[in-house]
Amino acid sequence: MISRVDPQQQARAKLLIFQGISHLSISKRLGLHRATIARIARGDLEAPEPREDHPPGYDERQKRRCPTCGHLVYLWPCLACELETPTGPPDAVPAPPPRQDERRRRADRSFR
């Protein structure tokens, strides 16, 4: 069975088991279930396999600096730049701010 227990916790539990501390005390101290401590003592837990954090076909040498923001990126366009750019059609013009007299009318209506 593959363990989800942190390897440092497993090592700490093994050390405490070796020192002769009870499983109940170890479980309270480390915040693990008593059955988990018993499995560590029996050697039933396997070390977790290292995870591959990269997608298939990933090549570290393909990273380049984004000319816009300078981030080291693998995929184009740069996600950081893409998230910072506003969405919408490029020809969209922002609406002008309301005039001063319209602001007063809106404020007067809110008090009624």
PDB file of N, CA and C in Angstrom:
ATOM      1  N   MET A   1       0.845  -1.179   0.000  1.00  0.00           N
ATOM      2  CA  MET A   1       0.000   0.000   0.000  1.00  0.00           C
ATOM      3  C   MET A   1       0.887   1.237   0.000  1.00  0.00           C
ATOM      4  N   ILE A   2       0.576   2.177  -0.856  1.00  0.00           N
ATOM      5  CA  ILE A   2       1.350   3.409  -0.929  1.00  0.00           C
ATOM      6  C   ILE A   2       0.848   4.368   0.141  1.00  0.00           C
ATOM      7  N   SER A   3       1.780   4.995   0.814  1.00  0.00           N
ATOM      8  CA  SER A   3       1.451   5.858   1.938  1.00  0.00           C
ATOM      9  C   SER A   3       1.296   7.304   1.501  1.00  0.00           C
ATOM     10  N   ARG A   4       0.403   8.000   2.179  1.00  0.00           N
ATOM     11  CA  ARG A   4       0.288   9.442   1.988  1.00  0.00           C
ATOM     12  C   ARG A   4       0.919  10.181   3.159  1.00  0.00           C
ATOM     13  N   VAL A   5       1.591   9.441   4.017  1.00  0.00           N
ATOM     14  CA  VAL A   5       2.253  10.027   5.173  1.00  0.00           C
ATOM     15  C   VAL A   5       3.573  10.619   4.705  1.00  0.00           C
ATOM     16  N   ASP A   6       3.866  11.797   5.191  1.00  0.00           N
ATOM     17  CA  ASP A   6       5.094  12.491   4.857  1.00  0.00           C
ATOM     18  C   ASP A   6       6.302  11.621   5.238  1.00  0.00           C
ATOM     19  N   PRO A   7       7.317  11.509   4.378  1.00  0.00           N
ATOM     20  CA  PRO A   7       8.486  10.685   4.706  1.00  0.00           C
ATOM     21  C   PRO A   7       9.186  11.124   5.995  1.00  0.00           C
ATOM     22  N   GLN A   8       9.176  12.429   6.294  1.00  0.00           N
ATOM     23  CA  GLN A   8       9.782  12.895   7.539  1.00  0.00           C
ATOM     24  C   GLN A   8       8.997  12.385   8.742  1.00  0.00           C
ATOM     25  N   GLN A   9       7.656  12.345   8.607  1.00  0.00           N
ATOM     26  CA  GLN A   9       6.841  11.814   9.698  1.00  0.00           C
ATOM     27  C   GLN A   9       7.093  10.326   9.876  1.00  0.00           C
ATOM     28  N   GLN A  10       7.255   9.607   8.773  1.00  0.00           N
ATOM     29  CA  GLN A  10       7.555   8.181   8.873  1.00  0.00           C
ATOM     30  C   GLN A  10       8.878   7.958   9.590  1.00  0.00           C
ATOM     31  N   ALA A  11       9.885   8.736   9.235  1.00  0.00           N
ATOM     32  CA  ALA A  11      11.190   8.590   9.874  1.00  0.00           C
ATOM     33  C   ALA A  11      11.103   8.919  11.360  1.00  0.00           C
ATOM     34  N   ARG A  12      10.361   9.970  11.690  1.00  0.00           N
ATOM     35  CA  ARG A  12      10.187  10.354  13.098  1.00  0.00           C
ATOM     36  C   ARG A  12       9.458   9.253  13.861  1.00  0.00           C
ATOM     37  N   ALA A  13       8.413   8.682  13.246  1.00  0.00           N
ATOM     38  CA  ALA A  13       7.665   7.605  13.897  1.00  0.00           C
ATOM     39  C   ALA A  13       8.556   6.388  14.113  1.00  0.00           C
ATOM     40  N   LYS A  14       9.378   6.039  13.128  1.00  0.00           N
ATOM     41  CA  LYS A  14      10.284   4.897  13.282  1.00  0.00           C
ATOM     42  C   LYS A  14      11.275   5.131  14.413  1.00  0.00           C
ATOM     43  N   LEU A  15      11.767   6.354  14.522  1.00  0.00           N
ATOM     44  CA  LEU A  15      12.698   6.679  15.596  1.00  0.00           C
ATOM     45  C   LEU A  15      12.026   6.532  16.962  1.00  0.00           C
ATOM     46  N   LEU A  16      10.791   7.038  17.071  1.00  0.00           N
ATOM     47  CA  LEU A  16      10.076   6.936  18.343  1.00  0.00           C
ATOM     48  C   LEU A  16       9.718   5.485  18.667  1.00  0.00           C
ATOM     49  N   ILE A  17       9.382   4.701  17.651  1.00  0.00           N
ATOM     50  CA  ILE A  17       9.097   3.277  17.861  1.00  0.00           C
ATOM     51  C   ILE A  17      10.358   2.578  18.360  1.00  0.00           C
ATOM     52  N   PHE A  18      11.491   2.904  17.756  1.00  0.00           N
ATOM     53  CA  PHE A  18      12.765   2.308  18.155  1.00  0.00           C
ATOM     54  C   PHE A  18      13.113   2.665  19.602  1.00  0.00           C
ATOM     55  N   GLN A  19      12.710   3.859  20.043  1.00  0.00           N
ATOM     56  CA  GLN A  19      12.972   4.279  21.418  1.00  0.00           C
ATOM     57  C   GLN A  19      12.046   3.602  22.419  1.00  0.00           C
ATOM     58  N   GLY A  20      11.037   2.872  21.925  1.00  0.00           N
ATOM     59  CA  GLY A  20      10.154   2.124  22.809  1.00  0.00           C
ATOM     60  C   GLY A  20       8.925   2.888  23.267  1.00  0.00           C
ATOM     61  N   ILE A  21       8.603   3.978  22.622  1.00  0.00           N
ATOM     62  CA  ILE A  21       7.419   4.759  22.983  1.00  0.00           C
ATOM     63  C   ILE A  21       6.192   4.056  22.408  1.00  0.00           C
ATOM     64  N   SER A  22       5.093   4.092  23.141  1.00  0.00           N
ATOM     65  CA  SER A  22       3.885   3.379  22.713  1.00  0.00           C
ATOM     66  C   SER A  22       3.304   3.998  21.445  1.00  0.00           C
ATOM     67  N   HIS A  23       2.582   3.165  20.706  1.00  0.00           N
ATOM     68  CA  HIS A  23       1.959   3.623  19.464  1.00  0.00           C
ATOM     69  C   HIS A  23       0.952   4.737  19.733  1.00  0.00           C
ATOM     70  N   LEU A  24       0.230   4.634  20.835  1.00  0.00           N
ATOM     71  CA  LEU A  24      -0.754   5.656  21.178  1.00  0.00           C
ATOM     72  C   LEU A  24      -0.071   7.005  21.421  1.00  0.00           C
ATOM     73  N   SER A  25       1.030   6.992  22.156  1.00  0.00           N
ATOM     74  CA  SER A  25       1.759   8.243  22.422  1.00  0.00           C
ATOM     75  C   SER A  25       2.324   8.840  21.136  1.00  0.00           C
ATOM     76  N   ILE A  26       2.838   7.972  20.275  1.00  0.00           N
ATOM     77  CA  ILE A  26       3.398   8.451  19.003  1.00  0.00           C
ATOM     78  C   ILE A  26       2.295   9.044  18.133  1.00  0.00           C
ATOM     79  N   SER A  27       1.142   8.373  18.095  1.00  0.00           N
ATOM     80  CA  SER A  27       0.050   8.877  17.259  1.00  0.00           C
ATOM     81  C   SER A  27      -0.434  10.235  17.748  1.00  0.00           C
ATOM     82  N   LYS A  28      -0.490  10.424  19.055  1.00  0.00           N
ATOM     83  CA  LYS A  28      -0.896  11.732  19.590  1.00  0.00           C
ATOM     84  C   LYS A  28       0.159  12.789  19.296  1.00  0.00           C
ATOM     85  N   ARG A  29       1.413  12.420  19.419  1.00  0.00           N
ATOM     86  CA  ARG A  29       2.503  13.370  19.226  1.00  0.00           C
ATOM     87  C   ARG A  29       2.610  13.815  17.767  1.00  0.00           C
ATOM     88  N   LEU A  30       2.431  12.868  16.831  1.00  0.00           N
ATOM     89  CA  LEU A  30       2.603  13.185  15.412  1.00  0.00           C
ATOM     90  C   LEU A  30       1.298  13.519  14.698  1.00  0.00           C
ATOM     91  N   GLY A  31       0.172  13.268  15.353  1.00  0.00           N
ATOM     92  CA  GLY A  31      -1.113  13.557  14.718  1.00  0.00           C
ATOM     93  C   GLY A  31      -1.508  12.535  13.672  1.00  0.00           C
ATOM     94  N   LEU A  32      -1.025  11.309  13.826  1.00  0.00           N
ATOM     95  CA  LEU A  32      -1.369  10.227  12.907  1.00  0.00           C
ATOM     96  C   LEU A  32      -2.254   9.220  13.630  1.00  0.00           C
ATOM     97  N   HIS A  33      -2.971   8.413  12.872  1.00  0.00           N
ATOM     98  CA  HIS A  33      -3.834   7.393  13.453  1.00  0.00           C
ATOM     99  C   HIS A  33      -2.972   6.272  14.031  1.00  0.00           C
ATOM    100  N   ARG A  34      -3.488   5.621  15.078  1.00  0.00           N
ATOM    101  CA  ARG A  34      -2.745   4.513  15.702  1.00  0.00           C
ATOM    102  C   ARG A  34      -2.466   3.397  14.715  1.00  0.00           C
ATOM    103  N   ALA A  35      -3.424   3.122  13.838  1.00  0.00           N
ATOM    104  CA  ALA A  35      -3.228   2.060  12.851  1.00  0.00           C
ATOM    105  C   ALA A  35      -2.099   2.413  11.884  1.00  0.00           C
ATOM    106  N   THR A  36      -1.958   3.686  11.573  1.00  0.00           N
ATOM    107  CA  THR A  36      -0.866   4.119  10.697  1.00  0.00           C
ATOM    108  C   THR A  36       0.473   3.894  11.381  1.00  0.00           C
ATOM    109  N   ILE A  37       0.546   4.200  12.665  1.00  0.00           N
ATOM    110  CA  ILE A  37       1.783   3.970  13.420  1.00  0.00           C
ATOM    111  C   ILE A  37       2.101   2.475  13.451  1.00  0.00           C
ATOM    112  N   ALA A  38       1.076   1.650  13.620  1.00  0.00           N
ATOM    113  CA  ALA A  38       1.287   0.200  13.633  1.00  0.00           C
ATOM    114  C   ALA A  38       1.792  -0.285  12.276  1.00  0.00           C
ATOM    115  N   ARG A  39       1.253   0.265  11.189  1.00  0.00           N
ATOM    116  CA  ARG A  39       1.716  -0.125   9.853  1.00  0.00           C
ATOM    117  C   ARG A  39       3.151   0.316   9.621  1.00  0.00           C
ATOM    118  N   ILE A  40       3.519   1.479  10.143  1.00  0.00           N
ATOM    119  CA  ILE A  40       4.914   1.929  10.029  1.00  0.00           C
ATOM    120  C   ILE A  40       5.816   0.978  10.807  1.00  0.00           C
ATOM    121  N   ALA A  41       5.373   0.560  11.993  1.00  0.00           N
ATOM    122  CA  ALA A  41       6.173  -0.350  12.821  1.00  0.00           C
ATOM    123  C   ALA A  41       6.357  -1.703  12.133  1.00  0.00           C
ATOM    124  N   ARG A  42       5.313  -2.189  11.458  1.00  0.00           N
ATOM    125  CA  ARG A  42       5.405  -3.475  10.754  1.00  0.00           C
ATOM    126  C   ARG A  42       6.176  -3.352   9.448  1.00  0.00           C
ATOM    127  N   GLY A  43       6.321  -2.143   8.945  1.00  0.00           N
ATOM    128  CA  GLY A  43       6.993  -1.942   7.663  1.00  0.00           C
ATOM    129  C   GLY A  43       6.067  -2.112   6.481  1.00  0.00           C
ATOM    130  N   ASP A  44       4.759  -1.949   6.709  1.00  0.00           N
ATOM    131  CA  ASP A  44       3.780  -2.125   5.636  1.00  0.00           C
ATOM    132  C   ASP A  44       3.688  -0.924   4.698  1.00  0.00           C
ATOM    133  N   LEU A  45       4.157   0.216   5.136  1.00  0.00           N
ATOM    134  CA  LEU A  45       4.036   1.413   4.299  1.00  0.00           C
ATOM    135  C   LEU A  45       5.222   1.512   3.356  1.00  0.00           C
ATOM    136  N   GLU A  46       4.925   1.777   2.099  1.00  0.00           N
ATOM    137  CA  GLU A  46       5.970   1.986   1.108  1.00  0.00           C
ATOM    138  C   GLU A  46       6.245   3.477   0.989  1.00  0.00           C
ATOM    139  N   ALA A  47       7.428   3.789   0.579  1.00  0.00           N
ATOM    140  CA  ALA A  47       7.756   5.193   0.336  1.00  0.00           C
ATOM    141  C   ALA A  47       6.993   5.663  -0.894  1.00  0.00           C
ATOM    142  N   PRO A  48       6.480   6.872  -0.869  1.00  0.00           N
ATOM    143  CA  PRO A  48       5.754   7.365  -2.040  1.00  0.00           C
ATOM    144  C   PRO A  48       6.675   7.489  -3.245  1.00  0.00           C
ATOM    145  N   GLU A  49       6.123   7.173  -4.402  1.00  0.00           N
ATOM    146  CA  GLU A  49       6.903   7.280  -5.629  1.00  0.00           C
ATOM    147  C   GLU A  49       7.056   8.745  -6.008  1.00  0.00           C
ATOM    148  N   PRO A  50       8.200   9.118  -6.551  1.00  0.00           N
ATOM    149  CA  PRO A  50       8.364  10.516  -6.961  1.00  0.00           C
ATOM    150  C   PRO A  50       7.395  10.857  -8.084  1.00  0.00           C
ATOM    151  N   ARG A  51       6.801  12.032  -7.979  1.00  0.00           N
ATOM    152  CA  ARG A  51       5.833  12.461  -8.985  1.00  0.00           C
ATOM    153  C   ARG A  51       6.534  13.185 -10.113  1.00  0.00           C
ATOM    154  N   GLU A  52       6.010  13.001 -11.293  1.00  0.00           N
ATOM    155  CA  GLU A  52       6.512  13.723 -12.455  1.00  0.00           C
ATOM    156  C   GLU A  52       5.648  14.966 -12.615  1.00  0.00           C
ATOM    157  N   ASP A  53       6.234  16.126 -12.384  1.00  0.00           N
ATOM    158  CA  ASP A  53       5.479  17.371 -12.435  1.00  0.00           C
ATOM    159  C   ASP A  53       5.396  17.973 -13.831  1.00  0.00           C
ATOM    160  N   HIS A  54       6.085  17.378 -14.784  1.00  0.00           N
ATOM    161  CA  HIS A  54       6.101  17.931 -16.127  1.00  0.00           C
ATOM    162  C   HIS A  54       5.216  17.107 -17.054  1.00  0.00           C
ATOM    163  N   PRO A  55       4.628  17.740 -18.060  1.00  0.00           N
ATOM    164  CA  PRO A  55       3.816  16.994 -19.024  1.00  0.00           C
ATOM    165  C   PRO A  55       4.694  16.101 -19.894  1.00  0.00           C
ATOM    166  N   PRO A  56       4.100  15.106 -20.547  1.00  0.00           N
ATOM    167  CA  PRO A  56       4.890  14.248 -21.434  1.00  0.00           C
ATOM    168  C   PRO A  56       5.532  15.075 -22.548  1.00  0.00           C
ATOM    169  N   GLY A  57       6.764  14.766 -22.858  1.00  0.00           N
ATOM    170  CA  GLY A  57       7.467  15.477 -23.917  1.00  0.00           C
ATOM    171  C   GLY A  57       8.076  16.798 -23.481  1.00  0.00           C
ATOM    172  N   TYR A  58       8.041  17.092 -22.192  1.00  0.00           N
ATOM    173  CA  TYR A  58       8.589  18.349 -21.689  1.00  0.00           C
ATOM    174  C   TYR A  58      10.106  18.351 -21.828  1.00  0.00           C
ATOM    175  N   ASP A  59      10.645  19.448 -22.304  1.00  0.00           N
ATOM    176  CA  ASP A  59      12.089  19.588 -22.449  1.00  0.00           C
ATOM    177  C   ASP A  59      12.505  20.896 -21.789  1.00  0.00           C
ATOM    178  N   GLU A  60      13.304  20.795 -20.754  1.00  0.00           N
ATOM    179  CA  GLU A  60      13.740  21.962 -19.982  1.00  0.00           C
ATOM    180  C   GLU A  60      14.470  22.979 -20.866  1.00  0.00           C
ATOM    181  N   ARG A  61      15.120  22.504 -21.907  1.00  0.00           N
ATOM    182  CA  ARG A  61      15.899  23.401 -22.771  1.00  0.00           C
ATOM    183  C   ARG A  61      15.024  24.288 -23.643  1.00  0.00           C
ATOM    184  N   GLN A  62      13.717  24.033 -23.696  1.00  0.00           N
ATOM    185  CA  GLN A  62      12.825  24.827 -24.532  1.00  0.00           C
ATOM    186  C   GLN A  62      12.344  26.106 -23.844  1.00  0.00           C
ATOM    187  N   LYS A  63      12.703  26.313 -22.593  1.00  0.00           N
ATOM    188  CA  LYS A  63      12.273  27.524 -21.890  1.00  0.00           C
ATOM    189  C   LYS A  63      12.980  28.740 -22.471  1.00  0.00           C
ATOM    190  N   ARG A  64      12.230  29.826 -22.585  1.00  0.00           N
ATOM    191  CA  ARG A  64      12.760  31.085 -23.105  1.00  0.00           C
ATOM    192  C   ARG A  64      12.221  32.235 -22.258  1.00  0.00           C
ATOM    193  N   ARG A  65      12.878  33.370 -22.328  1.00  0.00           N
ATOM    194  CA  ARG A  65      12.407  34.574 -21.643  1.00  0.00           C
ATOM    195  C   ARG A  65      11.340  35.252 -22.486  1.00  0.00           C
ATOM    196  N   CYS A  66      10.261  35.663 -21.825  1.00  0.00           N
ATOM    197  CA  CYS A  66       9.209  36.398 -22.514  1.00  0.00           C
ATOM    198  C   CYS A  66       9.734  37.800 -22.817  1.00  0.00           C
ATOM    199  N   PRO A  67       9.605  38.277 -24.054  1.00  0.00           N
ATOM    200  CA  PRO A  67      10.117  39.611 -24.369  1.00  0.00           C
ATOM    201  C   PRO A  67       9.327  40.727 -23.692  1.00  0.00           C
ATOM    202  N   THR A  68       8.092  40.449 -23.279  1.00  0.00           N
ATOM    203  CA  THR A  68       7.262  41.485 -22.668  1.00  0.00           C
ATOM    204  C   THR A  68       7.536  41.639 -21.182  1.00  0.00           C
ATOM    205  N   CYS A  69       7.459  40.514 -20.438  1.00  0.00           N
ATOM    206  CA  CYS A  69       7.556  40.607 -18.979  1.00  0.00           C
ATOM    207  C   CYS A  69       8.862  40.056 -18.416  1.00  0.00           C
ATOM    208  N   GLY A  70       9.570  39.229 -19.188  1.00  0.00           N
ATOM    209  CA  GLY A  70      10.837  38.691 -18.723  1.00  0.00           C
ATOM    210  C   GLY A  70      10.727  37.383 -17.959  1.00  0.00           C
ATOM    211  N   HIS A  71       9.512  36.832 -17.799  1.00  0.00           N
ATOM    212  CA  HIS A  71       9.360  35.548 -17.122  1.00  0.00           C
ATOM    213  C   HIS A  71       9.981  34.438 -17.963  1.00  0.00           C
ATOM    214  N   LEU A  72      10.479  33.409 -17.294  1.00  0.00           N
ATOM    215  CA  LEU A  72      10.994  32.238 -17.975  1.00  0.00           C
ATOM    216  C   LEU A  72       9.810  31.328 -18.266  1.00  0.00           C
ATOM    217  N   VAL A  73       9.473  31.138 -19.543  1.00  0.00           N
ATOM    218  CA  VAL A  73       8.253  30.420 -19.909  1.00  0.00           C
ATOM    219  C   VAL A  73       8.566  29.284 -20.871  1.00  0.00           C
ATOM    220  N   TYR A  74       7.674  28.303 -20.874  1.00  0.00           N
ATOM    221  CA  TYR A  74       7.801  27.149 -21.755  1.00  0.00           C
ATOM    222  C   TYR A  74       6.807  27.235 -22.905  1.00  0.00           C
ATOM    223  N   LEU A  75       5.609  27.703 -22.617  1.00  0.00           N
ATOM    224  CA  LEU A  75       4.562  27.786 -23.626  1.00  0.00           C
ATOM    225  C   LEU A  75       4.341  29.231 -24.047  1.00  0.00           C
ATOM    226  N   TRP A  76       3.982  29.421 -25.300  1.00  0.00           N
ATOM    227  CA  TRP A  76       3.673  30.750 -25.807  1.00  0.00           C
ATOM    228  C   TRP A  76       2.212  30.817 -26.154  1.00  0.00           C
ATOM    229  N   PRO A  77       1.530  31.908 -25.988  1.00  0.00           N
ATOM    230  CA  PRO A  77       2.020  33.157 -25.419  1.00  0.00           C
ATOM    231  C   PRO A  77       2.221  33.028 -23.918  1.00  0.00           C
ATOM    232  N   CYS A  78       2.983  33.932 -23.370  1.00  0.00           N
ATOM    233  CA  CYS A  78       3.283  33.931 -21.942  1.00  0.00           C
ATOM    234  C   CYS A  78       1.979  34.060 -21.157  1.00  0.00           C
ATOM    235  N   LEU A  79       1.729  33.136 -20.250  1.00  0.00           N
ATOM    236  CA  LEU A  79       0.480  33.133 -19.492  1.00  0.00           C
ATOM    237  C   LEU A  79       0.372  34.367 -18.599  1.00  0.00           C
ATOM    238  N   ALA A  80       1.480  34.796 -18.012  1.00  0.00           N
ATOM    239  CA  ALA A  80       1.447  35.981 -17.152  1.00  0.00           C
ATOM    240  C   ALA A  80       1.028  37.214 -17.947  1.00  0.00           C
ATOM    241  N   CYS A  81       1.565  37.363 -19.147  1.00  0.00           N
ATOM    242  CA  CYS A  81       1.188  38.509 -19.987  1.00  0.00           C
ATOM    243  C   CYS A  81      -0.254  38.377 -20.458  1.00  0.00           C
ATOM    244  N   GLU A  82      -0.665  37.155 -20.775  1.00  0.00           N
ATOM    245  CA  GLU A  82      -2.020  36.935 -21.257  1.00  0.00           C
ATOM    246  C   GLU A  82      -3.049  37.258 -20.179  1.00  0.00           C
ATOM    247  N   LEU A  83      -2.730  36.961 -18.922  1.00  0.00           N
ATOM    248  CA  LEU A  83      -3.657  37.248 -17.831  1.00  0.00           C
ATOM    249  C   LEU A  83      -3.724  38.735 -17.513  1.00  0.00           C
ATOM    250  N   GLU A  84      -2.654  39.458 -17.767  1.00  0.00           N
ATOM    251  CA  GLU A  84      -2.639  40.886 -17.466  1.00  0.00           C
ATOM    252  C   GLU A  84      -3.329  41.727 -18.525  1.00  0.00           C
ATOM    253  N   THR A  85      -3.417  41.234 -19.752  1.00  0.00           N
ATOM    254  CA  THR A  85      -4.047  42.024 -20.802  1.00  0.00           C
ATOM    255  C   THR A  85      -5.557  41.974 -20.635  1.00  0.00           C
ATOM    256  N   PRO A  86      -6.228  43.103 -20.821  1.00  0.00           N
ATOM    257  CA  PRO A  86      -7.682  43.105 -20.676  1.00  0.00           C
ATOM    258  C   PRO A  86      -8.342  42.314 -21.800  1.00  0.00           C
ATOM    259  N   THR A  87      -9.435  41.670 -21.461  1.00  0.00           N
ATOM    260  CA  THR A  87     -10.160  40.906 -22.466  1.00  0.00           C
ATOM    261  C   THR A  87     -11.181  41.800 -23.146  1.00  0.00           C
ATOM    262  N   GLY A  88     -11.578  41.410 -24.293  1.00  0.00           N
ATOM    263  CA  GLY A  88     -12.561  42.189 -25.034  1.00  0.00           C
ATOM    264  C   GLY A  88     -12.035  42.533 -26.402  1.00  0.00           C
ATOM    265  N   PRO A  89     -12.918  43.013 -27.266  1.00  0.00           N
ATOM    266  CA  PRO A  89     -12.460  43.351 -28.607  1.00  0.00           C
ATOM    267  C   PRO A  89     -11.475  44.510 -28.565  1.00  0.00           C
ATOM    268  N   PRO A  90     -10.467  44.497 -29.442  1.00  0.00           N
ATOM    269  CA  PRO A  90      -9.459  45.548 -29.398  1.00  0.00           C
ATOM    270  C   PRO A  90     -10.001  46.922 -29.761  1.00  0.00           C
ATOM    271  N   ASP A  91     -11.114  46.984 -30.492  1.00  0.00           N
ATOM    272  CA  ASP A  91     -11.646  48.285 -30.885  1.00  0.00           C
ATOM    273  C   ASP A  91     -12.645  48.837 -29.867  1.00  0.00           C
ATOM    274  N   ALA A  92     -12.834  48.147 -28.743  1.00  0.00           N
ATOM    275  CA  ALA A  92     -13.783  48.617 -27.728  1.00  0.00           C
ATOM    276  C   ALA A  92     -13.240  49.876 -27.061  1.00  0.00           C
ATOM    277  N   VAL A  93     -14.077  50.870 -26.957  1.00  0.00           N
ATOM    278  CA  VAL A  93     -13.700  52.133 -26.332  1.00  0.00           C
ATOM    279  C   VAL A  93     -14.385  52.195 -24.973  1.00  0.00           C
ATOM    280  N   PRO A  94     -13.652  52.502 -23.910  1.00  0.00           N
ATOM    281  CA  PRO A  94     -14.296  52.570 -22.603  1.00  0.00           C
ATOM    282  C   PRO A  94     -15.305  53.715 -22.549  1.00  0.00           C
ATOM    283  N   ALA A  95     -16.359  53.505 -21.792  1.00  0.00           N
ATOM    284  CA  ALA A  95     -17.396  54.527 -21.657  1.00  0.00           C
ATOM    285  C   ALA A  95     -16.840  55.704 -20.862  1.00  0.00           C
ATOM    286  N   PRO A  96     -17.221  56.923 -21.239  1.00  0.00           N
ATOM    287  CA  PRO A  96     -16.733  58.083 -20.488  1.00  0.00           C
ATOM    288  C   PRO A  96     -17.358  58.102 -19.097  1.00  0.00           C
ATOM    289  N   PRO A  97     -16.681  58.700 -18.135  1.00  0.00           N
ATOM    290  CA  PRO A  97     -17.245  58.769 -16.785  1.00  0.00           C
ATOM    291  C   PRO A  97     -18.489  59.654 -16.783  1.00  0.00           C
ATOM    292  N   PRO A  98     -19.440  59.413 -15.875  1.00  0.00           N
ATOM    293  CA  PRO A  98     -20.654  60.236 -15.844  1.00  0.00           C
ATOM    294  C   PRO A  98     -20.320  61.686 -15.497  1.00  0.00           C
ATOM    295  N   ARG A  99     -21.122  62.576 -16.026  1.00  0.00           N
ATOM    296  CA  ARG A  99     -20.902  63.995 -15.761  1.00  0.00           C
ATOM    297  C   ARG A  99     -21.263  64.320 -14.320  1.00  0.00           C
ATOM    298  N   GLN A 100     -20.814  65.477 -13.876  1.00  0.00           N
ATOM    299  CA  GLN A 100     -21.005  65.876 -12.483  1.00  0.00           C
ATOM    300  C   GLN A 100     -22.484  65.975 -12.119  1.00  0.00           C
ATOM    301  N   ASP A 101     -23.322  66.538 -13.012  1.00  0.00           N
ATOM    302  CA  ASP A 101     -24.738  66.697 -12.685  1.00  0.00           C
ATOM    303  C   ASP A 101     -25.441  65.341 -12.603  1.00  0.00           C
ATOM    304  N   GLU A 102     -25.006  64.352 -13.393  1.00  0.00           N
ATOM    305  CA  GLU A 102     -25.589  63.012 -13.303  1.00  0.00           C
ATOM    306  C   GLU A 102     -25.230  62.365 -11.973  1.00  0.00           C
ATOM    307  N   ARG A 103     -24.034  62.612 -11.490  1.00  0.00           N
ATOM    308  CA  ARG A 103     -23.623  62.058 -10.197  1.00  0.00           C
ATOM    309  C   ARG A 103     -24.505  62.614  -9.085  1.00  0.00           C
ATOM    310  N   ARG A 104     -24.798  63.914  -9.168  1.00  0.00           N
ATOM    311  CA  ARG A 104     -25.642  64.529  -8.133  1.00  0.00           C
ATOM    312  C   ARG A 104     -27.045  63.946  -8.162  1.00  0.00           C
ATOM    313  N   ARG A 105     -27.595  63.757  -9.363  1.00  0.00           N
ATOM    314  CA  ARG A 105     -28.939  63.183  -9.469  1.00  0.00           C
ATOM    315  C   ARG A 105     -28.975  61.775  -8.884  1.00  0.00           C
ATOM    316  N   ARG A 106     -27.953  60.988  -9.177  1.00  0.00           N
ATOM    317  CA  ARG A 106     -27.907  59.630  -8.636  1.00  0.00           C
ATOM    318  C   ARG A 106     -27.806  59.663  -7.119  1.00  0.00           C
ATOM    319  N   ALA A 107     -27.019  60.570  -6.594  1.00  0.00           N
ATOM    320  CA  ALA A 107     -26.872  60.674  -5.141  1.00  0.00           C
ATOM    321  C   ALA A 107     -28.181  61.117  -4.504  1.00  0.00           C
ATOM    322  N   ASP A 108     -28.900  62.063  -5.151  1.00  0.00           N
ATOM    323  CA  ASP A 108     -30.176  62.529  -4.608  1.00  0.00           C
ATOM    324  C   ASP A 108     -31.207  61.407  -4.600  1.00  0.00           C
ATOM    325  N   ARG A 109     -31.216  60.576  -5.625  1.00  0.00           N
ATOM    326  CA  ARG A 109     -32.173  59.467  -5.691  1.00  0.00           C
ATOM    327  C   ARG A 109     -31.918  58.436  -4.605  1.00  0.00           C
ATOM    328  N   SER A 110     -30.677  58.256  -4.237  1.00  0.00           N
ATOM    329  CA  SER A 110     -30.368  57.229  -3.244  1.00  0.00           C
ATOM    330  C   SER A 110     -30.843  57.629  -1.846  1.00  0.00           C
ATOM    331  N   PHE A 111     -31.034  58.941  -1.599  1.00  0.00           N
ATOM    332  CA  PHE A 111     -31.491  59.384  -0.283  1.00  0.00           C
ATOM    333  C   PHE A 111     -33.004  59.394  -0.160  1.00  0.00           C
ATOM    334  N   ARG A 112     -33.725  59.246  -1.239  1.00  0.00           N
ATOM    335  CA  ARG A 112     -35.192  59.307  -1.194  1.00  0.00           C
ATOM    336  C   ARG A 112     -35.786  58.060  -0.663  1.00  0.00           C
TER     337      ARG A 112
END
